[in-house]
């Protein structure tokens, strides 16, 4: 049996291990949180190097990737500094393949009512494939990168502006400490309502589940959430706020959706190639598995 392990800076309360079959190969997928303990994460990566078929990095990205360009996040790269044998992925490959399909999947499952609308992306640079899909569909888009990553209440409303800001800020952002870039450990469970006017403006809110929860208001009536790495607890929080639908970009397995890094690590493991997979290889495997975003209805019309 193949084995893929995701080591996350997030809470260990979200840990899960399941076995499944992908393309005729059995694979054990396991998520191990370190509660924000960087040294523990480094130790686990070091310990498992050469002992598992693929490793995933959860809780932070190794890279910021926009199209074919990617920029290393220096504080995150330190997590895997001792990994030399096992391939390591952070989910960016799937963010530019599987998540590219999410708007079409939403239209197929929710109908023409959602052919146009307003979407807030909590971190468009991190979900660039999804961002492009919304712009191409003709949605009114707010890229909230400045808000959710830096706390600056400035919405970005066009791709050219996003590209210009990315060119200016990515070299700076990629050198910031992990604690600034992403909530880890207990911080992931704290909800501090903020940027409420943009949550209210949007018909669709898309991005990392922790980012969406971090500043969400008490009322999200009739909103559509597009995210991943959801647990039953996350779904209940959305249900309490009146969210109508949640679409997870990765499939739900045994009651929860795993992160893109976990699913990509599983695909790397079953491929037997002992390296990162190209976008073409990932697309081929996704088509063979017929993996698509999954829709969950939370509230009645």
Foldseek 3Di string as FASTA:
>chain_A
DAEEEEEELAAQVLWDWDWDDAPNDIYIFTYGHDLNDLVVLLVVLLVCAVPHQAYEYHQDAQWQDAVPDIDGLVQSVSSNPNRDFFAYHHLQLCLQALLLCALVVCCVVVHPVVLEWEEEEAACSSNVSNVVSNVVSPYFYWDNPCCLQPNDPDTDGDPVVVVVVCVVPVVPSSHDHSVRGGPGRPLLVAAAADPAVSLVRGQEYEYELSSCRNHYDLANANHEYEYFFDAPVSLVSCLSNRHFKYKYSFDQDPHGGHDSRRVQRRVSRVVPPSYRDHSVVVNVSCVVRVTHIDMDGRDDD
